[in-house]
């Protein structure tokens, strides 16, 4: 049984978001993969968080801390660069 975070995202200021997420991941020591329209953040012992410029997704974190809280903070911070809707189960 796993704890899951679901999200719907629309990032309107993509280049600014990428600069922000690069700094955050570097500071936290998390691996980051960039593409033209998405970023992937790799957390330890959980699924990777894929953040598209526009779209929806989910990530299983199994409730493991601190990664679950970090992923939630990252997802909610998207609102500074567009819009985000996050829900959990």
N, C-alpha and C. Protein backbone atom coordinates (compact mmCIF):
# COMPACT_ATOMS: atom_id res chain seq x y z
N UNK A 1 0.85 -1.17 0.00
CA UNK A 1 0.00 0.00 0.00
C UNK A 1 0.90 1.24 0.00
N UNK A 2 0.60 2.21 -0.86
CA UNK A 2 1.46 3.37 -0.94
C UNK A 2 0.71 4.67 -0.83
N UNK A 3 1.37 5.61 -0.30
CA UNK A 3 0.85 6.97 -0.20
C UNK A 3 1.11 7.65 -1.54
N UNK A 4 0.10 8.31 -2.10
CA UNK A 4 0.23 8.91 -3.43
C UNK A 4 -0.14 10.38 -3.40
N UNK A 5 0.63 11.18 -4.13
CA UNK A 5 0.36 12.60 -4.33
C UNK A 5 -0.06 12.76 -5.79
N UNK A 6 -1.20 13.38 -6.01
CA UNK A 6 -1.72 13.65 -7.36
C UNK A 6 -1.62 15.15 -7.62
N UNK A 7 -1.44 15.54 -8.88
CA UNK A 7 -1.32 16.96 -9.17
C UNK A 7 -1.74 17.28 -10.60
N UNK A 8 -2.19 18.50 -10.77
CA UNK A 8 -2.51 19.08 -12.08
C UNK A 8 -1.77 20.41 -12.12
N UNK A 9 -0.99 20.64 -13.17
CA UNK A 9 -0.07 21.77 -13.21
C UNK A 9 -0.17 22.52 -14.53
N UNK A 10 0.02 23.82 -14.44
CA UNK A 10 0.18 24.67 -15.63
C UNK A 10 1.20 25.74 -15.26
N UNK A 11 2.41 25.62 -15.81
CA UNK A 11 3.48 26.57 -15.50
C UNK A 11 3.57 27.56 -16.67
N UNK A 12 3.33 28.83 -16.38
CA UNK A 12 3.34 29.86 -17.42
C UNK A 12 4.69 30.58 -17.50
N UNK A 13 5.48 30.49 -16.46
CA UNK A 13 6.81 31.13 -16.44
C UNK A 13 7.86 30.04 -16.30
N UNK A 14 7.99 29.23 -17.37
CA UNK A 14 8.80 28.02 -17.36
C UNK A 14 10.28 28.29 -17.05
N UNK A 15 10.90 29.23 -17.73
CA UNK A 15 12.35 29.46 -17.53
C UNK A 15 12.64 29.89 -16.10
N UNK A 16 11.78 30.69 -15.51
CA UNK A 16 11.97 31.10 -14.13
C UNK A 16 11.79 29.90 -13.19
N UNK A 17 10.81 29.05 -13.49
CA UNK A 17 10.60 27.86 -12.68
C UNK A 17 11.82 26.95 -12.73
N UNK A 18 12.39 26.75 -13.91
CA UNK A 18 13.56 25.88 -14.05
C UNK A 18 14.73 26.41 -13.22
N UNK A 19 14.98 27.70 -13.25
CA UNK A 19 16.06 28.28 -12.43
C UNK A 19 15.80 28.03 -10.95
N UNK A 20 14.56 28.20 -10.53
CA UNK A 20 14.17 27.98 -9.13
C UNK A 20 14.38 26.52 -8.73
N UNK A 21 13.89 25.59 -9.54
CA UNK A 21 13.95 24.18 -9.19
C UNK A 21 15.39 23.67 -9.22
N UNK A 22 16.20 24.20 -10.12
CA UNK A 22 17.62 23.83 -10.14
C UNK A 22 18.29 24.22 -8.82
N UNK A 23 18.02 25.42 -8.36
CA UNK A 23 18.61 25.89 -7.10
C UNK A 23 18.12 25.04 -5.93
N UNK A 24 16.82 24.76 -5.87
CA UNK A 24 16.26 23.98 -4.78
C UNK A 24 16.86 22.57 -4.75
N UNK A 25 16.89 21.91 -5.89
CA UNK A 25 17.41 20.54 -5.94
C UNK A 25 18.90 20.50 -5.62
N UNK A 26 19.64 21.47 -6.10
CA UNK A 26 21.07 21.53 -5.77
C UNK A 26 21.25 21.69 -4.27
N UNK A 27 20.50 22.61 -3.67
CA UNK A 27 20.60 22.85 -2.24
C UNK A 27 20.21 21.66 -1.39
N UNK A 28 19.25 20.87 -1.86
CA UNK A 28 18.79 19.70 -1.12
C UNK A 28 19.59 18.44 -1.46
N UNK A 29 20.45 18.53 -2.46
CA UNK A 29 21.24 17.36 -2.87
C UNK A 29 20.41 16.33 -3.62
N UNK A 30 19.36 16.79 -4.30
CA UNK A 30 18.50 15.88 -5.07
C UNK A 30 18.88 15.95 -6.54
N UNK A 31 18.82 14.80 -7.21
CA UNK A 31 19.15 14.74 -8.63
C UNK A 31 18.00 15.30 -9.45
N UNK A 32 18.34 16.07 -10.48
CA UNK A 32 17.35 16.73 -11.33
C UNK A 32 17.68 16.45 -12.79
N UNK A 33 16.65 16.06 -13.56
CA UNK A 33 16.79 15.89 -15.00
C UNK A 33 15.86 16.87 -15.68
N UNK A 34 16.39 17.63 -16.64
CA UNK A 34 15.62 18.65 -17.35
C UNK A 34 15.35 18.23 -18.79
N UNK A 35 14.17 18.58 -19.29
CA UNK A 35 13.88 18.48 -20.71
C UNK A 35 13.19 19.78 -21.11
N UNK A 36 12.77 19.90 -22.36
CA UNK A 36 12.15 21.15 -22.83
C UNK A 36 10.85 21.49 -22.13
N UNK A 37 10.08 20.47 -21.74
CA UNK A 37 8.77 20.75 -21.17
C UNK A 37 8.47 19.98 -19.88
N UNK A 38 9.52 19.49 -19.22
CA UNK A 38 9.31 18.82 -17.93
C UNK A 38 10.62 18.76 -17.15
N UNK A 39 10.47 18.55 -15.86
CA UNK A 39 11.63 18.29 -14.99
C UNK A 39 11.32 17.03 -14.20
N UNK A 40 12.37 16.26 -13.90
CA UNK A 40 12.21 15.07 -13.08
C UNK A 40 13.15 15.18 -11.88
N UNK A 41 12.56 15.03 -10.70
CA UNK A 41 13.32 15.10 -9.46
C UNK A 41 13.37 13.70 -8.88
N UNK A 42 14.58 13.24 -8.58
CA UNK A 42 14.73 11.89 -8.06
C UNK A 42 14.94 11.93 -6.56
N UNK A 43 13.97 11.34 -5.85
CA UNK A 43 14.05 11.24 -4.41
C UNK A 43 14.55 9.86 -4.01
N UNK A 44 15.16 9.78 -2.86
CA UNK A 44 15.72 8.52 -2.39
C UNK A 44 14.62 7.59 -1.88
N UNK A 45 14.60 6.36 -2.37
CA UNK A 45 13.67 5.30 -1.93
C UNK A 45 12.20 5.57 -2.25
N UNK A 46 11.92 6.48 -3.19
CA UNK A 46 10.55 6.76 -3.63
C UNK A 46 10.58 6.95 -5.14
N UNK A 47 9.40 7.04 -5.75
CA UNK A 47 9.33 7.31 -7.18
C UNK A 47 9.83 8.72 -7.48
N UNK A 48 10.31 8.92 -8.70
CA UNK A 48 10.74 10.24 -9.14
C UNK A 48 9.52 11.11 -9.39
N UNK A 49 9.66 12.39 -9.10
CA UNK A 49 8.59 13.37 -9.31
C UNK A 49 8.77 14.02 -10.67
N UNK A 50 7.85 13.76 -11.59
CA UNK A 50 7.88 14.36 -12.92
C UNK A 50 6.93 15.55 -12.94
N UNK A 51 7.48 16.73 -13.20
CA UNK A 51 6.69 17.96 -13.25
C UNK A 51 6.66 18.46 -14.69
N UNK A 52 5.50 18.35 -15.34
CA UNK A 52 5.39 18.85 -16.71
C UNK A 52 5.08 20.35 -16.71
N UNK A 53 5.35 21.01 -17.82
CA UNK A 53 4.99 22.43 -17.94
C UNK A 53 3.47 22.58 -17.89
N UNK A 54 2.77 21.58 -18.43
CA UNK A 54 1.31 21.58 -18.38
C UNK A 54 0.85 20.13 -18.41
N UNK A 55 0.01 19.77 -17.46
CA UNK A 55 -0.50 18.41 -17.43
C UNK A 55 -0.79 17.96 -16.02
N UNK A 56 -0.93 16.65 -15.89
CA UNK A 56 -1.21 16.10 -14.57
C UNK A 56 -0.40 14.83 -14.37
N UNK A 57 -0.33 14.42 -13.12
CA UNK A 57 0.43 13.22 -12.82
C UNK A 57 0.25 12.81 -11.38
N UNK A 58 1.02 11.81 -11.00
CA UNK A 58 1.01 11.35 -9.62
C UNK A 58 2.37 10.75 -9.30
N UNK A 59 2.65 10.66 -8.01
CA UNK A 59 3.90 10.07 -7.56
C UNK A 59 3.64 9.33 -6.25
N UNK A 60 4.14 8.11 -6.16
CA UNK A 60 4.02 7.33 -4.93
C UNK A 60 5.25 7.61 -4.07
N UNK A 61 5.01 8.06 -2.84
CA UNK A 61 6.12 8.30 -1.92
C UNK A 61 6.10 7.35 -0.75
N UNK A 62 5.05 6.55 -0.64
CA UNK A 62 4.91 5.57 0.44
C UNK A 62 4.96 6.23 1.82
N UNK A 63 4.71 7.55 1.86
CA UNK A 63 4.70 8.30 3.11
C UNK A 63 6.07 8.48 3.73
N UNK A 64 7.13 8.19 2.96
CA UNK A 64 8.50 8.30 3.50
C UNK A 64 8.89 9.76 3.64
N UNK A 65 9.38 10.08 4.80
CA UNK A 65 9.84 11.44 5.08
C UNK A 65 11.36 11.47 5.09
N UNK A 66 11.98 12.55 4.71
CA UNK A 66 11.38 13.85 4.44
C UNK A 66 10.93 14.04 3.00
N UNK A 67 11.09 13.01 2.14
CA UNK A 67 10.83 13.19 0.71
C UNK A 67 9.38 13.56 0.43
N UNK A 68 8.42 12.95 1.14
CA UNK A 68 7.02 13.28 0.92
C UNK A 68 6.77 14.76 1.13
N UNK A 69 7.27 15.30 2.21
CA UNK A 69 7.08 16.73 2.51
C UNK A 69 7.82 17.61 1.52
N UNK A 70 9.00 17.20 1.09
CA UNK A 70 9.76 17.97 0.10
C UNK A 70 9.01 18.02 -1.23
N UNK A 71 8.48 16.88 -1.66
CA UNK A 71 7.72 16.85 -2.90
C UNK A 71 6.49 17.76 -2.80
N UNK A 72 5.80 17.71 -1.67
CA UNK A 72 4.63 18.58 -1.48
C UNK A 72 5.03 20.05 -1.54
N UNK A 73 6.10 20.41 -0.87
CA UNK A 73 6.58 21.80 -0.90
C UNK A 73 6.94 22.23 -2.32
N UNK A 74 7.62 21.36 -3.05
CA UNK A 74 7.98 21.68 -4.43
C UNK A 74 6.72 21.87 -5.28
N UNK A 75 5.78 20.95 -5.16
CA UNK A 75 4.55 21.06 -5.97
C UNK A 75 3.77 22.32 -5.64
N UNK A 76 3.60 22.62 -4.36
CA UNK A 76 2.86 23.83 -4.01
C UNK A 76 3.60 25.10 -4.43
N UNK A 77 4.92 25.05 -4.53
CA UNK A 77 5.69 26.22 -4.96
C UNK A 77 5.46 26.54 -6.43
N UNK A 78 4.96 25.58 -7.20
CA UNK A 78 4.65 25.81 -8.61
C UNK A 78 3.68 26.97 -8.77
N UNK A 79 2.84 27.21 -7.77
CA UNK A 79 1.84 28.28 -7.86
C UNK A 79 2.48 29.66 -8.05
N UNK A 80 3.74 29.79 -7.70
CA UNK A 80 4.44 31.06 -7.92
C UNK A 80 4.77 31.28 -9.40
N UNK A 81 4.67 30.20 -10.19
CA UNK A 81 5.05 30.26 -11.60
C UNK A 81 3.90 29.91 -12.54
N UNK A 82 2.72 29.72 -11.99
CA UNK A 82 1.55 29.34 -12.78
C UNK A 82 0.45 28.90 -11.85
N UNK A 83 -0.10 27.72 -12.10
CA UNK A 83 -1.16 27.21 -11.22
C UNK A 83 -0.91 25.73 -10.95
N UNK A 84 -1.40 25.30 -9.78
CA UNK A 84 -1.24 23.90 -9.39
C UNK A 84 -2.41 23.49 -8.51
N UNK A 85 -2.84 22.28 -8.67
CA UNK A 85 -3.84 21.66 -7.82
C UNK A 85 -3.22 20.36 -7.34
N UNK A 86 -3.17 20.18 -6.01
CA UNK A 86 -2.53 19.01 -5.42
C UNK A 86 -3.53 18.34 -4.48
N UNK A 87 -3.60 17.01 -4.56
CA UNK A 87 -4.38 16.26 -3.58
C UNK A 87 -3.63 14.96 -3.27
N UNK A 88 -3.95 14.38 -2.13
CA UNK A 88 -3.21 13.22 -1.63
C UNK A 88 -4.15 12.09 -1.23
N UNK A 89 -3.63 10.89 -1.24
CA UNK A 89 -4.35 9.76 -0.63
C UNK A 89 -3.38 8.73 -0.13
